[in-house]
Amino acid sequence: MRKVRDYDAELRALNDKARTLKAKKVQQLGELVTFTGADALDLDTLAGALIAAVESTSADEREAWRVKGAAFFQRRGRKARKGDAGNRQGGGEAATGDVPR
């Protein structure tokens, strides 16, 4: 005999998962703003810059932004690895810390 599926429970679980993912995305966006130093901008300027980026239709401009963003994260990754190497102590224990993605 087939097992009866509880569609309501499945929908609730999916909604909870979607809510969790959205909250994580919002948190990561806030961390990105902080890591890039954009938190120093006033809210109107930051919103205007983001709107201009979204409205941009130039593929070359978007590619330049992508390259610049990738370079930013590569620099941060190298700095984090150098800092971890200096913070290690005798037992070879790796430092724990989240690297933004």
PDB file of N, CA and C in Angstrom:
ATOM      1  N   MET A   1       0.840  -1.175   0.000  1.00  0.00           N
ATOM      2  CA  MET A   1       0.000   0.000   0.000  1.00  0.00           C
ATOM      3  C   MET A   1       0.891   1.245   0.000  1.00  0.00           C
ATOM      4  N   ARG A   2       0.467   2.259  -0.717  1.00  0.00           N
ATOM      5  CA  ARG A   2       1.249   3.492  -0.846  1.00  0.00           C
ATOM      6  C   ARG A   2       1.127   4.353   0.403  1.00  0.00           C
ATOM      7  N   LYS A   3       2.224   5.025   0.684  1.00  0.00           N
ATOM      8  CA  LYS A   3       2.245   5.940   1.819  1.00  0.00           C
ATOM      9  C   LYS A   3       1.541   7.239   1.413  1.00  0.00           C
ATOM     10  N   VAL A   4       0.682   7.730   2.265  1.00  0.00           N
ATOM     11  CA  VAL A   4      -0.054   8.960   2.006  1.00  0.00           C
ATOM     12  C   VAL A   4       0.884  10.148   2.218  1.00  0.00           C
ATOM     13  N   ARG A   5       0.901  11.055   1.242  1.00  0.00           N
ATOM     14  CA  ARG A   5       1.758  12.243   1.346  1.00  0.00           C
ATOM     15  C   ARG A   5       1.007  13.371   2.046  1.00  0.00           C
ATOM     16  N   ASP A   6       1.694  14.029   2.913  1.00  0.00           N
ATOM     17  CA  ASP A   6       1.132  15.180   3.614  1.00  0.00           C
ATOM     18  C   ASP A   6       1.593  16.443   2.882  1.00  0.00           C
ATOM     19  N   TYR A   7       0.788  16.870   1.909  1.00  0.00           N
ATOM     20  CA  TYR A   7       1.156  18.015   1.078  1.00  0.00           C
ATOM     21  C   TYR A   7       1.284  19.299   1.893  1.00  0.00           C
ATOM     22  N   ASP A   8       0.437  19.463   2.879  1.00  0.00           N
ATOM     23  CA  ASP A   8       0.511  20.666   3.716  1.00  0.00           C
ATOM     24  C   ASP A   8       1.843  20.731   4.462  1.00  0.00           C
ATOM     25  N   ALA A   9       2.279  19.616   5.000  1.00  0.00           N
ATOM     26  CA  ALA A   9       3.553  19.588   5.722  1.00  0.00           C
ATOM     27  C   ALA A   9       4.713  19.854   4.766  1.00  0.00           C
ATOM     28  N   GLU A  10       4.631  19.295   3.557  1.00  0.00           N
ATOM     29  CA  GLU A  10       5.684  19.530   2.565  1.00  0.00           C
ATOM     30  C   GLU A  10       5.739  20.997   2.165  1.00  0.00           C
ATOM     31  N   LEU A  11       4.575  21.614   1.981  1.00  0.00           N
ATOM     32  CA  LEU A  11       4.531  23.036   1.632  1.00  0.00           C
ATOM     33  C   LEU A  11       5.078  23.900   2.763  1.00  0.00           C
ATOM     34  N   ARG A  12       4.728  23.563   3.999  1.00  0.00           N
ATOM     35  CA  ARG A  12       5.261  24.306   5.144  1.00  0.00           C
ATOM     36  C   ARG A  12       6.784  24.186   5.197  1.00  0.00           C
ATOM     37  N   ALA A  13       7.292  22.976   4.970  1.00  0.00           N
ATOM     38  CA  ALA A  13       8.745  22.767   4.997  1.00  0.00           C
ATOM     39  C   ALA A  13       9.425  23.568   3.888  1.00  0.00           C
ATOM     40  N   LEU A  14       8.828  23.582   2.699  1.00  0.00           N
ATOM     41  CA  LEU A  14       9.396  24.360   1.593  1.00  0.00           C
ATOM     42  C   LEU A  14       9.350  25.854   1.886  1.00  0.00           C
ATOM     43  N   ASN A  15       8.253  26.323   2.468  1.00  0.00           N
ATOM     44  CA  ASN A  15       8.151  27.739   2.832  1.00  0.00           C
ATOM     45  C   ASN A  15       9.187  28.115   3.886  1.00  0.00           C
ATOM     46  N   ASP A  16       9.381  27.229   4.862  1.00  0.00           N
ATOM     47  CA  ASP A  16      10.400  27.487   5.889  1.00  0.00           C
ATOM     48  C   ASP A  16      11.790  27.543   5.269  1.00  0.00           C
ATOM     49  N   LYS A  17      12.059  26.631   4.347  1.00  0.00           N
ATOM     50  CA  LYS A  17      13.365  26.610   3.683  1.00  0.00           C
ATOM     51  C   LYS A  17      13.565  27.877   2.853  1.00  0.00           C
ATOM     52  N   ALA A  18      12.527  28.305   2.128  1.00  0.00           N
ATOM     53  CA  ALA A  18      12.613  29.527   1.323  1.00  0.00           C
ATOM     54  C   ALA A  18      12.842  30.743   2.216  1.00  0.00           C
ATOM     55  N   ARG A  19      12.156  30.797   3.348  1.00  0.00           N
ATOM     56  CA  ARG A  19      12.320  31.903   4.292  1.00  0.00           C
ATOM     57  C   ARG A  19      13.751  31.934   4.835  1.00  0.00           C
ATOM     58  N   THR A  20      14.293  30.768   5.151  1.00  0.00           N
ATOM     59  CA  THR A  20      15.665  30.676   5.658  1.00  0.00           C
ATOM     60  C   THR A  20      16.664  31.135   4.605  1.00  0.00           C
ATOM     61  N   LEU A  21      16.465  30.693   3.360  1.00  0.00           N
ATOM     62  CA  LEU A  21      17.368  31.091   2.277  1.00  0.00           C
ATOM     63  C   LEU A  21      17.313  32.590   2.022  1.00  0.00           C
ATOM     64  N   LYS A  22      16.106  33.162   2.088  1.00  0.00           N
ATOM     65  CA  LYS A  22      15.969  34.603   1.874  1.00  0.00           C
ATOM     66  C   LYS A  22      16.669  35.380   2.989  1.00  0.00           C
ATOM     67  N   ALA A  23      16.519  34.929   4.222  1.00  0.00           N
ATOM     68  CA  ALA A  23      17.181  35.595   5.348  1.00  0.00           C
ATOM     69  C   ALA A  23      18.700  35.508   5.205  1.00  0.00           C
ATOM     70  N   LYS A  24      19.194  34.357   4.757  1.00  0.00           N
ATOM     71  CA  LYS A  24      20.635  34.192   4.557  1.00  0.00           C
ATOM     72  C   LYS A  24      21.130  35.119   3.448  1.00  0.00           C
ATOM     73  N   LYS A  25      20.350  35.252   2.386  1.00  0.00           N
ATOM     74  CA  LYS A  25      20.723  36.134   1.274  1.00  0.00           C
ATOM     75  C   LYS A  25      20.791  37.586   1.742  1.00  0.00           C
ATOM     76  N   VAL A  26      19.825  38.010   2.531  1.00  0.00           N
ATOM     77  CA  VAL A  26      19.811  39.379   3.057  1.00  0.00           C
ATOM     78  C   VAL A  26      21.020  39.606   3.965  1.00  0.00           C
ATOM     79  N   GLN A  27      21.344  38.629   4.798  1.00  0.00           N
ATOM     80  CA  GLN A  27      22.501  38.746   5.687  1.00  0.00           C
ATOM     81  C   GLN A  27      23.784  38.851   4.869  1.00  0.00           C
ATOM     82  N   GLN A  28      23.920  38.023   3.838  1.00  0.00           N
ATOM     83  CA  GLN A  28      25.121  38.055   3.008  1.00  0.00           C
ATOM     84  C   GLN A  28      25.234  39.373   2.254  1.00  0.00           C
ATOM     85  N   LEU A  29      24.117  39.928   1.826  1.00  0.00           N
ATOM     86  CA  LEU A  29      24.143  41.221   1.148  1.00  0.00           C
ATOM     87  C   LEU A  29      24.631  42.309   2.103  1.00  0.00           C
ATOM     88  N   GLY A  30      24.158  42.272   3.334  1.00  0.00           N
ATOM     89  CA  GLY A  30      24.631  43.226   4.336  1.00  0.00           C
ATOM     90  C   GLY A  30      26.117  43.078   4.609  1.00  0.00           C
ATOM     91  N   GLU A  31      26.590  41.833   4.679  1.00  0.00           N
ATOM     92  CA  GLU A  31      28.019  41.594   4.881  1.00  0.00           C
ATOM     93  C   GLU A  31      28.827  42.110   3.699  1.00  0.00           C
ATOM     94  N   LEU A  32      28.302  41.923   2.492  1.00  0.00           N
ATOM     95  CA  LEU A  32      28.984  42.405   1.291  1.00  0.00           C
ATOM     96  C   LEU A  32      29.117  43.921   1.311  1.00  0.00           C
ATOM     97  N   VAL A  33      28.054  44.600   1.693  1.00  0.00           N
ATOM     98  CA  VAL A  33      28.090  46.064   1.782  1.00  0.00           C
ATOM     99  C   VAL A  33      29.159  46.496   2.783  1.00  0.00           C
ATOM    100  N   THR A  34      29.237  45.803   3.900  1.00  0.00           N
ATOM    101  CA  THR A  34      30.228  46.137   4.922  1.00  0.00           C
ATOM    102  C   THR A  34      31.644  45.830   4.449  1.00  0.00           C
ATOM    103  N   PHE A  35      31.864  44.648   3.876  1.00  0.00           N
ATOM    104  CA  PHE A  35      33.202  44.243   3.431  1.00  0.00           C
ATOM    105  C   PHE A  35      33.757  45.163   2.361  1.00  0.00           C
ATOM    106  N   THR A  36      32.887  45.657   1.475  1.00  0.00           N
ATOM    107  CA  THR A  36      33.363  46.517   0.390  1.00  0.00           C
ATOM    108  C   THR A  36      33.568  47.955   0.837  1.00  0.00           C
ATOM    109  N   GLY A  37      33.092  48.288   2.021  1.00  0.00           N
ATOM    110  CA  GLY A  37      33.220  49.654   2.505  1.00  0.00           C
ATOM    111  C   GLY A  37      32.072  50.536   2.055  1.00  0.00           C
ATOM    112  N   ALA A  38      31.089  49.947   1.388  1.00  0.00           N
ATOM    113  CA  ALA A  38      29.951  50.723   0.895  1.00  0.00           C
ATOM    114  C   ALA A  38      29.049  51.198   2.026  1.00  0.00           C
ATOM    115  N   ASP A  39      29.245  50.678   3.226  1.00  0.00           N
ATOM    116  CA  ASP A  39      28.443  51.143   4.358  1.00  0.00           C
ATOM    117  C   ASP A  39      28.798  52.573   4.739  1.00  0.00           C
ATOM    118  N   ALA A  40      29.911  53.088   4.204  1.00  0.00           N
ATOM    119  CA  ALA A  40      30.294  54.484   4.452  1.00  0.00           C
ATOM    120  C   ALA A  40      29.458  55.449   3.608  1.00  0.00           C
ATOM    121  N   LEU A  41      28.832  54.927   2.552  1.00  0.00           N
ATOM    122  CA  LEU A  41      27.986  55.774   1.702  1.00  0.00           C
ATOM    123  C   LEU A  41      26.647  56.012   2.384  1.00  0.00           C
ATOM    124  N   ASP A  42      26.047  57.164   2.070  1.00  0.00           N
ATOM    125  CA  ASP A  42      24.699  57.363   2.598  1.00  0.00           C
ATOM    126  C   ASP A  42      23.743  56.470   1.802  1.00  0.00           C
ATOM    127  N   LEU A  43      22.598  56.191   2.377  1.00  0.00           N
ATOM    128  CA  LEU A  43      21.651  55.237   1.816  1.00  0.00           C
ATOM    129  C   LEU A  43      21.202  55.617   0.408  1.00  0.00           C
ATOM    130  N   ASP A  44      20.952  56.908   0.166  1.00  0.00           N
ATOM    131  CA  ASP A  44      20.497  57.349  -1.153  1.00  0.00           C
ATOM    132  C   ASP A  44      21.554  57.095  -2.223  1.00  0.00           C
ATOM    133  N   THR A  45      22.816  57.356  -1.897  1.00  0.00           N
ATOM    134  CA  THR A  45      23.901  57.146  -2.853  1.00  0.00           C
ATOM    135  C   THR A  45      24.064  55.664  -3.166  1.00  0.00           C
ATOM    136  N   LEU A  46      24.031  54.835  -2.137  1.00  0.00           N
ATOM    137  CA  LEU A  46      24.161  53.395  -2.337  1.00  0.00           C
ATOM    138  C   LEU A  46      23.004  52.864  -3.178  1.00  0.00           C
ATOM    139  N   ALA A  47      21.793  53.294  -2.874  1.00  0.00           N
ATOM    140  CA  ALA A  47      20.631  52.859  -3.651  1.00  0.00           C
ATOM    141  C   ALA A  47      20.751  53.312  -5.101  1.00  0.00           C
ATOM    142  N   GLY A  48      21.189  54.543  -5.318  1.00  0.00           N
ATOM    143  CA  GLY A  48      21.357  55.051  -6.680  1.00  0.00           C
ATOM    144  C   GLY A  48      22.390  54.261  -7.460  1.00  0.00           C
ATOM    145  N   ALA A  49      23.502  53.915  -6.813  1.00  0.00           N
ATOM    146  CA  ALA A  49      24.544  53.128  -7.482  1.00  0.00           C
ATOM    147  C   ALA A  49      24.032  51.737  -7.845  1.00  0.00           C
ATOM    148  N   LEU A  50      23.289  51.121  -6.950  1.00  0.00           N
ATOM    149  CA  LEU A  50      22.738  49.797  -7.231  1.00  0.00           C
ATOM    150  C   LEU A  50      21.702  49.844  -8.349  1.00  0.00           C
ATOM    151  N   ILE A  51      20.866  50.868  -8.343  1.00  0.00           N
ATOM    152  CA  ILE A  51      19.866  51.017  -9.405  1.00  0.00           C
ATOM    153  C   ILE A  51      20.554  51.217 -10.746  1.00  0.00           C
ATOM    154  N   ALA A  52      21.605  52.038 -10.782  1.00  0.00           N
ATOM    155  CA  ALA A  52      22.350  52.261 -12.024  1.00  0.00           C
ATOM    156  C   ALA A  52      22.966  50.953 -12.518  1.00  0.00           C
ATOM    157  N   ALA A  53      23.458  50.132 -11.606  1.00  0.00           N
ATOM    158  CA  ALA A  53      24.041  48.846 -11.996  1.00  0.00           C
ATOM    159  C   ALA A  53      22.981  47.916 -12.576  1.00  0.00           C
ATOM    160  N   VAL A  54      21.809  47.896 -11.971  1.00  0.00           N
ATOM    161  CA  VAL A  54      20.729  47.036 -12.452  1.00  0.00           C
ATOM    162  C   VAL A  54      20.224  47.510 -13.811  1.00  0.00           C
ATOM    163  N   GLU A  55      20.139  48.815 -13.993  1.00  0.00           N
ATOM    164  CA  GLU A  55      19.614  49.368 -15.244  1.00  0.00           C
ATOM    165  C   GLU A  55      20.634  49.356 -16.374  1.00  0.00           C
ATOM    166  N   SER A  56      21.897  49.114 -16.062  1.00  0.00           N
ATOM    167  CA  SER A  56      22.950  49.128 -17.075  1.00  0.00           C
ATOM    168  C   SER A  56      22.700  48.043 -18.118  1.00  0.00           C
ATOM    169  N   THR A  57      22.788  48.429 -19.394  1.00  0.00           N
ATOM    170  CA  THR A  57      22.602  47.466 -20.473  1.00  0.00           C
ATOM    171  C   THR A  57      23.916  47.152 -21.176  1.00  0.00           C
ATOM    172  N   SER A  58      24.982  47.814 -20.790  1.00  0.00           N
ATOM    173  CA  SER A  58      26.282  47.626 -21.423  1.00  0.00           C
ATOM    174  C   SER A  58      26.950  46.351 -20.903  1.00  0.00           C
ATOM    175  N   ALA A  59      27.149  45.401 -21.795  1.00  0.00           N
ATOM    176  CA  ALA A  59      27.803  44.151 -21.410  1.00  0.00           C
ATOM    177  C   ALA A  59      29.250  44.404 -20.996  1.00  0.00           C
ATOM    178  N   ASP A  60      29.907  45.348 -21.668  1.00  0.00           N
ATOM    179  CA  ASP A  60      31.300  45.663 -21.329  1.00  0.00           C
ATOM    180  C   ASP A  60      31.402  46.239 -19.921  1.00  0.00           C
ATOM    181  N   GLU A  61      30.472  47.114 -19.582  1.00  0.00           N
ATOM    182  CA  GLU A  61      30.475  47.728 -18.253  1.00  0.00           C
ATOM    183  C   GLU A  61      30.233  46.672 -17.173  1.00  0.00           C
ATOM    184  N   ARG A  62      29.271  45.795 -17.418  1.00  0.00           N
ATOM    185  CA  ARG A  62      28.977  44.732 -16.454  1.00  0.00           C
ATOM    186  C   ARG A  62      30.167  43.789 -16.294  1.00  0.00           C
ATOM    187  N   GLU A  63      30.833  43.476 -17.398  1.00  0.00           N
ATOM    188  CA  GLU A  63      32.003  42.599 -17.328  1.00  0.00           C
ATOM    189  C   GLU A  63      33.124  43.261 -16.530  1.00  0.00           C
ATOM    190  N   ALA A  64      33.311  44.554 -16.720  1.00  0.00           N
ATOM    191  CA  ALA A  64      34.337  45.281 -15.961  1.00  0.00           C
ATOM    192  C   ALA A  64      34.013  45.236 -14.465  1.00  0.00           C
ATOM    193  N   TRP A  65      32.745  45.400 -14.113  1.00  0.00           N
ATOM    194  CA  TRP A  65      32.340  45.320 -12.705  1.00  0.00           C
ATOM    195  C   TRP A  65      32.579  43.917 -12.159  1.00  0.00           C
ATOM    196  N   ARG A  66      32.257  42.902 -12.972  1.00  0.00           N
ATOM    197  CA  ARG A  66      32.437  41.518 -12.539  1.00  0.00           C
ATOM    198  C   ARG A  66      33.911  41.228 -12.258  1.00  0.00           C
ATOM    199  N   VAL A  67      34.783  41.672 -13.172  1.00  0.00           N
ATOM    200  CA  VAL A  67      36.221  41.459 -13.004  1.00  0.00           C
ATOM    201  C   VAL A  67      36.720  42.161 -11.742  1.00  0.00           C
ATOM    202  N   LYS A  68      36.260  43.381 -11.543  1.00  0.00           N
ATOM    203  CA  LYS A  68      36.672  44.141 -10.357  1.00  0.00           C
ATOM    204  C   LYS A  68      36.187  43.451  -9.074  1.00  0.00           C
ATOM    205  N   GLY A  69      34.971  42.937  -9.094  1.00  0.00           N
ATOM    206  CA  GLY A  69      34.439  42.220  -7.932  1.00  0.00           C
ATOM    207  C   GLY A  69      35.198  40.932  -7.658  1.00  0.00           C
ATOM    208  N   ALA A  70      35.512  40.188  -8.717  1.00  0.00           N
ATOM    209  CA  ALA A  70      36.275  38.948  -8.547  1.00  0.00           C
ATOM    210  C   ALA A  70      37.655  39.252  -7.972  1.00  0.00           C
ATOM    211  N   ALA A  71      38.290  40.313  -8.459  1.00  0.00           N
ATOM    212  CA  ALA A  71      39.611  40.699  -7.950  1.00  0.00           C
ATOM    213  C   ALA A  71      39.520  41.082  -6.473  1.00  0.00           C
ATOM    214  N   PHE A  72      38.440  41.750  -6.084  1.00  0.00           N
ATOM    215  CA  PHE A  72      38.248  42.139  -4.686  1.00  0.00           C
ATOM    216  C   PHE A  72      38.220  40.905  -3.789  1.00  0.00           C
ATOM    217  N   PHE A  73      37.448  39.890  -4.185  1.00  0.00           N
ATOM    218  CA  PHE A  73      37.334  38.696  -3.357  1.00  0.00           C
ATOM    219  C   PHE A  73      38.617  37.873  -3.369  1.00  0.00           C
ATOM    220  N   GLN A  74      39.351  37.881  -4.470  1.00  0.00           N
ATOM    221  CA  GLN A  74      40.628  37.167  -4.500  1.00  0.00           C
ATOM    222  C   GLN A  74      41.623  37.826  -3.554  1.00  0.00           C
ATOM    223  N   ARG A  75      41.651  39.157  -3.539  1.00  0.00           N
ATOM    224  CA  ARG A  75      42.535  39.873  -2.606  1.00  0.00           C
ATOM    225  C   ARG A  75      42.166  39.539  -1.172  1.00  0.00           C
ATOM    226  N   ARG A  76      40.876  39.560  -0.868  1.00  0.00           N
ATOM    227  CA  ARG A  76      40.425  39.270   0.498  1.00  0.00           C
ATOM    228  C   ARG A  76      40.773  37.840   0.872  1.00  0.00           C
ATOM    229  N   GLY A  77      40.653  36.923  -0.070  1.00  0.00           N
ATOM    230  CA  GLY A  77      40.986  35.528   0.204  1.00  0.00           C
ATOM    231  C   GLY A  77      42.458  35.355   0.525  1.00  0.00           C
ATOM    232  N   ARG A  78      43.327  36.031  -0.222  1.00  0.00           N
ATOM    233  CA  ARG A  78      44.767  35.945   0.042  1.00  0.00           C
ATOM    234  C   ARG A  78      45.094  36.549   1.398  1.00  0.00           C
ATOM    235  N   LYS A  79      44.466  37.678   1.723  1.00  0.00           N
ATOM    236  CA  LYS A  79      44.716  38.313   3.021  1.00  0.00           C
ATOM    237  C   LYS A  79      44.279  37.392   4.152  1.00  0.00           C
ATOM    238  N   ALA A  80      43.146  36.734   3.985  1.00  0.00           N
ATOM    239  CA  ALA A  80      42.640  35.839   5.023  1.00  0.00           C
ATOM    240  C   ALA A  80      43.585  34.655   5.210  1.00  0.00           C
ATOM    241  N   ARG A  81      44.089  34.091   4.109  1.00  0.00           N
ATOM    242  CA  ARG A  81      45.005  32.957   4.219  1.00  0.00           C
ATOM    243  C   ARG A  81      46.308  33.370   4.890  1.00  0.00           C
ATOM    244  N   LYS A  82      46.830  34.551   4.547  1.00  0.00           N
ATOM    245  CA  LYS A  82      48.061  35.032   5.181  1.00  0.00           C
ATOM    246  C   LYS A  82      47.829  35.237   6.675  1.00  0.00           C
ATOM    247  N   GLY A  83      46.691  35.794   7.038  1.00  0.00           N
ATOM    248  CA  GLY A  83      46.366  36.018   8.447  1.00  0.00           C
ATOM    249  C   GLY A  83      46.220  34.711   9.193  1.00  0.00           C
ATOM    250  N   ASP A  84      45.624  33.706   8.546  1.00  0.00           N
ATOM    251  CA  ASP A  84      45.463  32.406   9.186  1.00  0.00           C
ATOM    252  C   ASP A  84      46.812  31.759   9.445  1.00  0.00           C
ATOM    253  N   ALA A  85      47.742  31.875   8.498  1.00  0.00           N
ATOM    254  CA  ALA A  85      49.059  31.262   8.654  1.00  0.00           C
ATOM    255  C   ALA A  85      49.790  31.893   9.836  1.00  0.00           C
ATOM    256  N   GLY A  86      49.631  33.178  10.030  1.00  0.00           N
ATOM    257  CA  GLY A  86      50.290  33.860  11.133  1.00  0.00           C
ATOM    258  C   GLY A  86      49.631  33.595  12.469  1.00  0.00           C
ATOM    259  N   ASN A  87      48.369  33.188  12.457  1.00  0.00           N
ATOM    260  CA  ASN A  87      47.635  32.969  13.697  1.00  0.00           C
ATOM    261  C   ASN A  87      47.672  31.526  14.170  1.00  0.00           C
ATOM    262  N   ARG A  88      48.276  30.643  13.391  1.00  0.00           N
ATOM    263  CA  ARG A  88      48.310  29.234  13.782  1.00  0.00           C
ATOM    264  C   ARG A  88      49.263  29.042  14.944  1.00  0.00           C
ATOM    265  N   GLN A  89      48.894  28.090  15.786  1.00  0.00           N
ATOM    266  CA  GLN A  89      49.749  27.809  16.929  1.00  0.00           C
ATOM    267  C   GLN A  89      50.202  26.366  16.849  1.00  0.00           C
ATOM    268  N   GLY A  90      51.268  26.031  17.567  1.00  0.00           N
ATOM    269  CA  GLY A  90      51.983  24.775  17.562  1.00  0.00           C
ATOM    270  C   GLY A  90      51.304  23.547  16.998  1.00  0.00           C
ATOM    271  N   GLY A  91      50.082  23.247  17.348  1.00  0.00           N
ATOM    272  CA  GLY A  91      49.449  21.994  16.980  1.00  0.00           C
ATOM    273  C   GLY A  91      48.981  21.906  15.547  1.00  0.00           C
ATOM    274  N   GLY A  92      49.194  22.914  14.733  1.00  0.00           N
ATOM    275  CA  GLY A  92      48.753  22.883  13.347  1.00  0.00           C
ATOM    276  C   GLY A  92      47.257  23.049  13.198  1.00  0.00           C
ATOM    277  N   GLU A  93      46.632  23.648  14.164  1.00  0.00           N
ATOM    278  CA  GLU A  93      45.194  23.852  14.101  1.00  0.00           C
ATOM    279  C   GLU A  93      44.896  25.033  13.188  1.00  0.00           C
ATOM    280  N   ALA A  94      43.976  24.818  12.271  1.00  0.00           N
ATOM    281  CA  ALA A  94      43.602  25.895  11.358  1.00  0.00           C
ATOM    282  C   ALA A  94      42.676  26.862  12.077  1.00  0.00           C
ATOM    283  N   ALA A  95      42.845  28.132  11.767  1.00  0.00           N
ATOM    284  CA  ALA A  95      41.951  29.143  12.333  1.00  0.00           C
ATOM    285  C   ALA A  95      40.580  28.982  11.706  1.00  0.00           C
ATOM    286  N   THR A  96      39.553  29.213  12.477  1.00  0.00           N
ATOM    287  CA  THR A  96      38.208  29.115  11.941  1.00  0.00           C
ATOM    288  C   THR A  96      37.677  30.500  11.677  1.00  0.00           C
ATOM    289  N   GLY A  97      37.035  30.651  10.544  1.00  0.00           N
ATOM    290  CA  GLY A  97      36.445  31.938  10.187  1.00  0.00           C
ATOM    291  C   GLY A  97      35.755  31.815   8.857  1.00  0.00           C
ATOM    292  N   ASP A  98      34.701  32.550   8.677  1.00  0.00           N
ATOM    293  CA  ASP A  98      33.957  32.510   7.429  1.00  0.00           C
ATOM    294  C   ASP A  98      34.589  33.444   6.427  1.00  0.00           C
ATOM    295  N   VAL A  99      34.752  32.964   5.218  1.00  0.00           N
ATOM    296  CA  VAL A  99      35.222  33.798   4.123  1.00  0.00           C
ATOM    297  C   VAL A  99      33.996  34.139   3.297  1.00  0.00           C
ATOM    298  N   PRO A 100      33.701  35.421   3.055  1.00  0.00           N
ATOM    299  CA  PRO A 100      32.498  35.788   2.307  1.00  0.00           C
ATOM    300  C   PRO A 100      32.550  35.257   0.893  1.00  0.00           C
ATOM    301  N   ARG A 101      31.436  34.856   0.385  1.00  0.00           N
ATOM    302  CA  ARG A 101      31.349  34.344  -0.987  1.00  0.00           C
ATOM    303  C   ARG A 101      30.368  35.147  -1.766  1.00  0.00           C
TER     304      ARG A 101
END
